[in-house]
């Protein structure tokens, strides 16, 4: 209640796994420009991907290594346990067995 923005949720990961999937460059090139880069950076930092650019640029869509890293971050990393925290209210939502409890 009373939260006006509350996004992006802060993520604290205790355990994650990597489930490899097929790389789809066209999909990544189409979805990346629509993402909130601040949230992407926070997720990358949470899983230890420290080489992400500070600022989004369309030039990144031609960088194969960057696209591979984004594929891993967005599609292959599955958070098993941890928590999401609202930056405005401080309310904590636990993640257990890969499922966030938002209630």
Protein backbone atom coordinates (compact mmCIF):
# COMPACT_ATOMS: atom_id res chain seq x y z
CA UNK A 1 0.00 0.00 0.00
CA UNK A 2 1.10 3.52 -0.70
CA UNK A 3 3.85 2.52 -3.13
CA UNK A 4 3.94 4.75 -6.18
CA UNK A 5 6.75 3.24 -8.20
CA UNK A 6 8.43 0.32 -6.38
CA UNK A 7 10.50 -0.65 -9.41
CA UNK A 8 12.93 -2.15 -10.10
CA UNK A 9 12.79 -4.61 -7.26
CA UNK A 10 16.17 -5.21 -5.67
CA UNK A 11 17.29 -8.81 -6.03
CA UNK A 12 19.38 -10.74 -3.54
CA UNK A 13 20.28 -14.22 -4.76
CA UNK A 14 21.25 -17.02 -2.40
CA UNK A 15 21.22 -19.79 -5.00
CA UNK A 16 20.80 -20.00 -8.76
CA UNK A 17 21.35 -22.53 -11.50
CA UNK A 18 22.18 -22.27 -15.16
CA UNK A 19 19.89 -24.12 -17.55
CA UNK A 20 21.38 -23.68 -20.99
CA UNK A 21 19.04 -22.90 -23.86
CA UNK A 22 19.47 -22.35 -27.59
CA UNK A 23 20.96 -18.97 -28.48
CA UNK A 24 18.58 -16.83 -30.55
CA UNK A 25 20.32 -13.65 -31.69
CA UNK A 26 17.29 -12.19 -33.47
CA UNK A 27 15.14 -12.54 -30.37
CA UNK A 28 17.74 -10.79 -28.22
CA UNK A 29 18.21 -7.99 -30.73
CA UNK A 30 14.46 -7.39 -30.74
CA UNK A 31 13.88 -7.50 -26.97
CA UNK A 32 16.96 -5.74 -25.60
CA UNK A 33 15.95 -2.21 -26.71
CA UNK A 34 12.69 -2.59 -24.76
CA UNK A 35 14.27 -3.46 -21.41
CA UNK A 36 14.90 -1.11 -18.48
CA UNK A 37 18.71 -0.96 -18.45
CA UNK A 38 18.86 -0.08 -14.73
CA UNK A 39 17.01 -3.30 -13.91
CA UNK A 40 19.20 -5.32 -16.28
CA UNK A 41 22.35 -3.93 -14.63
CA UNK A 42 21.00 -4.79 -11.17
CA UNK A 43 20.28 -8.36 -12.24
CA UNK A 44 23.70 -8.69 -13.88
CA UNK A 45 25.42 -7.45 -10.73
CA UNK A 46 23.37 -9.86 -8.58
CA UNK A 47 24.66 -12.88 -10.51
CA UNK A 48 28.23 -11.61 -10.81
CA UNK A 49 28.24 -10.38 -14.42
CA UNK A 50 30.34 -7.30 -13.73
CA UNK A 51 31.35 -6.50 -17.33
CA UNK A 52 27.98 -5.11 -18.39
CA UNK A 53 28.14 -1.62 -19.91
CA UNK A 54 26.99 1.19 -17.64
CA UNK A 55 24.90 2.74 -20.41
CA UNK A 56 22.68 1.08 -23.02
CA UNK A 57 23.60 1.68 -26.66
CA UNK A 58 22.10 0.25 -29.85
CA UNK A 59 25.68 -0.49 -30.95
CA UNK A 60 25.63 -3.35 -28.43
CA UNK A 61 23.20 -5.22 -30.67
CA UNK A 62 26.12 -5.96 -33.03
CA UNK A 63 28.42 -7.24 -30.25
CA UNK A 64 28.22 -11.05 -30.26
CA UNK A 65 29.94 -11.44 -26.86
CA UNK A 66 27.49 -8.98 -25.31
CA UNK A 67 24.53 -10.83 -26.83
CA UNK A 68 25.86 -14.13 -25.46
CA UNK A 69 26.16 -12.60 -21.97
CA UNK A 70 22.64 -11.19 -22.19
CA UNK A 71 21.30 -14.55 -23.34
CA UNK A 72 22.83 -16.19 -20.27
CA UNK A 73 21.49 -13.49 -17.95
CA UNK A 74 17.95 -13.30 -19.34
CA UNK A 75 17.28 -16.87 -20.41
CA UNK A 76 19.69 -19.33 -18.79
CA UNK A 77 20.05 -18.18 -15.17
CA UNK A 78 17.25 -19.43 -12.94
CA UNK A 79 17.05 -17.99 -9.40
CA UNK A 80 16.26 -20.79 -6.96
CA UNK A 81 16.43 -19.03 -3.58
CA UNK A 82 16.77 -15.43 -2.52
CA UNK A 83 14.58 -12.39 -2.12
CA UNK A 84 13.15 -9.40 -3.94
CA UNK A 85 12.91 -6.11 -2.05
CA UNK A 86 10.76 -3.12 -2.91
CA UNK A 87 13.09 -0.10 -3.08
CA UNK A 88 10.33 2.22 -1.90
CA UNK A 89 8.66 0.36 0.97
CA UNK A 90 11.42 -2.10 1.91
CA UNK A 91 8.93 -4.96 1.75
CA UNK A 92 10.67 -8.29 1.15
CA UNK A 93 9.33 -11.02 -1.13
CA UNK A 94 11.09 -14.38 -0.67
CA UNK A 95 12.07 -16.61 -3.59
CA UNK A 96 11.92 -20.32 -2.77
CA UNK A 97 12.46 -23.18 -5.20
CA UNK A 98 12.46 -20.66 -8.07
CA UNK A 99 9.09 -19.11 -7.20
CA UNK A 100 8.78 -15.57 -5.80
CA UNK A 101 6.07 -15.14 -3.16
CA UNK A 102 4.58 -11.74 -3.93
CA UNK A 103 1.78 -12.00 -1.37
